[in-house]
Amino acid sequence: MALISCEECGKEVSDKAAACPNCGAPIASMLEEANAPKQVTFGNGVFHGTKKLLVQLAIKAVQSLNWKVDSADEESGLVSFTTGMTWQSFTGVSGSIFLEEVEAHQFKVSGTAKSNAKVVTNFGNEAENKVNKVIEEMCRLANE
C-alpha cells in the first residue's frame, strides 16, 4: 500500500482505496490515468495506447493522406473519412476506422468503406484499399 495525493482535494489517501475518504473522488481512475501510455506504438499486430490517442492518430493518418475527416468520436473509437476523387469514382470513397480494445491499452484497428458513386461498384476492392491505406499510415506514424 502506498499513499498518494488525491487529485481533487490534495489529501493523502491509500492507493488501494476505491474513493478518497475526504472528497469522494474515485482513486482507481486517477491511478489508471497516471499509468496510461502517453503515446501510441505499434507491435505484434496491435496498437498500444489510449483510445483518445488512437483516435488522434487515425485523424492524423487520414489528414496526411490528404483526405477529409468527417467525424471522430473518442468515446466510441470511430473515425469517419472521405477521400477525394479516385480513378473509379468522381465522388470518392467514404470510410470508417474502428478501434477495438482487446486488452488494457491494446487495440486492434479495422474499418469499412464504400464508393460514393451512384452506381455502387467496388472495382479492385478500391474502397477497402482506402481503409487499409489509413491503417498502414497509422502504423507508420506510430513507429516514427
Protein backbone atom coordinates (compact mmCIF):
# COMPACT_ATOMS: atom_id res chain seq x y z
CA MET A 1 0.00 0.00 0.00
CA ALA A 2 1.23 3.48 -0.88
CA LEU A 3 -0.13 6.89 -0.01
CA ILE A 4 -0.94 9.14 -2.93
CA SER A 5 -2.34 12.63 -3.14
CA CYS A 6 -5.95 12.95 -4.21
CA GLU A 7 -6.10 14.98 -7.40
CA GLU A 8 -9.34 16.62 -6.28
CA CYS A 9 -8.66 17.73 -2.70
CA GLY A 10 -4.92 17.09 -2.22
CA LYS A 11 -5.34 14.90 0.89
CA GLU A 12 -3.28 11.74 1.26
CA VAL A 13 -5.17 8.53 0.54
CA SER A 14 -4.27 4.87 0.10
CA ASP A 15 -3.74 3.74 -3.49
CA LYS A 16 -5.93 0.75 -2.60
CA ALA A 17 -8.94 2.91 -1.70
CA ALA A 18 -11.88 2.96 -4.12
CA ALA A 19 -12.51 6.64 -3.41
CA CYS A 20 -10.99 9.48 -1.41
CA PRO A 21 -12.48 9.41 2.11
CA ASN A 22 -12.30 13.22 2.24
CA CYS A 23 -13.98 14.26 -1.04
CA GLY A 24 -15.22 11.02 -2.62
CA ALA A 25 -13.16 11.30 -5.83
CA PRO A 26 -12.55 7.87 -7.45
CA ILE A 27 -8.97 6.75 -6.87
CA ALA A 28 -8.89 3.92 -9.44
CA SER A 29 -9.50 6.34 -12.33
CA MET A 30 -6.69 8.60 -11.07
CA LEU A 31 -4.27 5.66 -10.99
CA GLU A 32 -5.40 4.39 -14.40
CA GLU A 33 -4.92 7.82 -15.95
CA ALA A 34 -1.48 8.19 -14.34
CA ASN A 35 -0.40 4.77 -15.67
CA ALA A 36 -1.88 5.23 -19.17
CA PRO A 37 0.50 5.34 -22.15
CA LYS A 38 1.44 8.85 -23.26
CA GLN A 39 2.00 7.91 -26.93
CA VAL A 40 0.91 5.28 -29.42
CA THR A 41 3.18 2.45 -30.51
CA PHE A 42 2.56 -0.48 -32.85
CA GLY A 43 3.85 -4.01 -32.42
CA ASN A 44 2.75 -7.64 -32.72
CA GLY A 45 -0.28 -6.61 -34.77
CA VAL A 46 -1.79 -4.30 -32.14
CA PHE A 47 -1.60 -0.63 -31.31
CA HIS A 48 -0.61 0.28 -27.73
CA GLY A 49 -2.02 3.50 -26.31
CA THR A 50 -5.28 5.04 -25.17
CA LYS A 51 -8.45 5.30 -27.23
CA LYS A 52 -8.09 9.08 -27.27
CA LEU A 53 -4.52 8.87 -28.58
CA LEU A 54 -5.51 6.33 -31.24
CA VAL A 55 -8.38 8.48 -32.46
CA GLN A 56 -5.93 11.38 -32.75
CA LEU A 57 -3.52 9.11 -34.65
CA ALA A 58 -6.28 8.00 -37.05
CA ILE A 59 -7.17 11.65 -37.70
CA LYS A 60 -3.52 12.45 -38.39
CA ALA A 61 -3.25 9.45 -40.76
CA VAL A 62 -6.34 10.48 -42.74
CA GLN A 63 -5.11 14.06 -42.99
CA SER A 64 -1.59 13.01 -44.02
CA LEU A 65 -3.21 11.20 -46.97
CA ASN A 66 -4.92 14.50 -47.86
CA TRP A 67 -8.37 13.11 -47.19
CA LYS A 68 -11.19 14.72 -45.19
CA VAL A 69 -12.07 13.69 -41.63
CA ASP A 70 -15.88 13.70 -41.47
CA SER A 71 -16.21 12.82 -37.78
CA ALA A 72 -14.21 11.48 -34.87
CA ASP A 73 -15.61 10.08 -31.63
CA GLU A 74 -13.10 9.43 -28.85
CA GLU A 75 -15.73 7.72 -26.69
CA SER A 76 -16.64 5.03 -29.24
CA GLY A 77 -13.30 4.95 -31.08
CA LEU A 78 -14.74 5.70 -34.51
CA VAL A 79 -13.22 7.95 -37.19
CA SER A 80 -15.05 8.56 -40.48
CA PHE A 81 -13.39 9.97 -43.57
CA THR A 82 -13.94 10.78 -47.23
CA THR A 83 -11.33 10.58 -49.96
CA GLY A 84 -11.24 12.93 -52.87
CA MET A 85 -11.89 11.87 -56.43
CA THR A 86 -10.48 8.46 -57.30
CA TRP A 87 -9.81 6.78 -60.64
CA GLN A 88 -13.03 4.83 -60.18
CA SER A 89 -15.31 7.49 -58.73
CA PHE A 90 -15.63 11.23 -59.18
CA THR A 91 -17.31 11.37 -55.77
CA GLY A 92 -14.62 9.46 -53.86
CA VAL A 93 -14.84 6.84 -51.14
CA SER A 94 -16.33 7.11 -47.64
CA GLY A 95 -14.81 5.00 -44.89
CA SER A 96 -14.73 4.43 -41.15
CA ILE A 97 -11.93 3.30 -38.86
CA PHE A 98 -12.91 1.29 -35.75
CA LEU A 99 -10.77 0.90 -32.63
CA GLU A 100 -11.39 -2.26 -30.60
CA GLU A 101 -9.71 -2.54 -27.19
CA VAL A 102 -8.66 -6.19 -26.91
CA GLU A 103 -6.75 -5.74 -23.63
CA ALA A 104 -5.95 -2.77 -21.44
CA HIS A 105 -4.37 -0.15 -23.73
CA GLN A 106 -4.13 -2.62 -26.65
CA PHE A 107 -6.23 -2.02 -29.74
CA LYS A 108 -6.99 -3.77 -33.00
CA VAL A 109 -7.87 -1.39 -35.81
CA SER A 110 -10.25 -2.26 -38.63
CA GLY A 111 -12.63 -0.45 -40.92
CA THR A 112 -15.12 -0.43 -43.72
CA ALA A 113 -15.61 1.75 -46.79
CA LYS A 114 -17.81 2.21 -49.83
CA SER A 115 -17.69 4.08 -53.09
CA ASN A 116 -19.75 7.27 -53.15
CA ALA A 117 -20.76 6.66 -56.77
CA LYS A 118 -24.46 6.44 -57.59
CA VAL A 119 -23.84 3.09 -59.23
CA VAL A 120 -22.20 1.09 -56.47
CA THR A 121 -19.16 -0.71 -57.74
CA ASN A 122 -16.03 -1.74 -55.97
CA PHE A 123 -13.67 -2.43 -58.81
CA GLY A 124 -10.40 -3.87 -57.49
CA ASN A 125 -11.55 -3.54 -53.86
CA GLU A 126 -10.80 0.17 -54.06
CA ALA A 127 -12.92 1.11 -51.03
CA GLU A 128 -11.31 -1.50 -48.73
CA ASN A 129 -7.88 -0.49 -50.01
CA LYS A 130 -8.53 3.07 -48.78
CA VAL A 131 -9.23 1.77 -45.26
CA ASN A 132 -6.09 -0.36 -45.38
CA LYS A 133 -4.10 2.66 -46.51
CA VAL A 134 -5.25 4.63 -43.43
CA ILE A 135 -4.32 1.73 -41.13
CA GLU A 136 -0.90 1.41 -42.81
CA GLU A 137 -0.37 5.14 -42.33
CA MET A 138 -1.32 4.78 -38.65
CA CYS A 139 1.32 2.04 -38.29
CA ARG A 140 3.92 4.23 -39.97
CA LEU A 141 3.12 7.23 -37.79
CA ALA A 142 3.11 5.14 -34.58
CA ASN A 143 6.58 3.80 -35.40
CA GLU A 144 8.14 7.18 -36.19
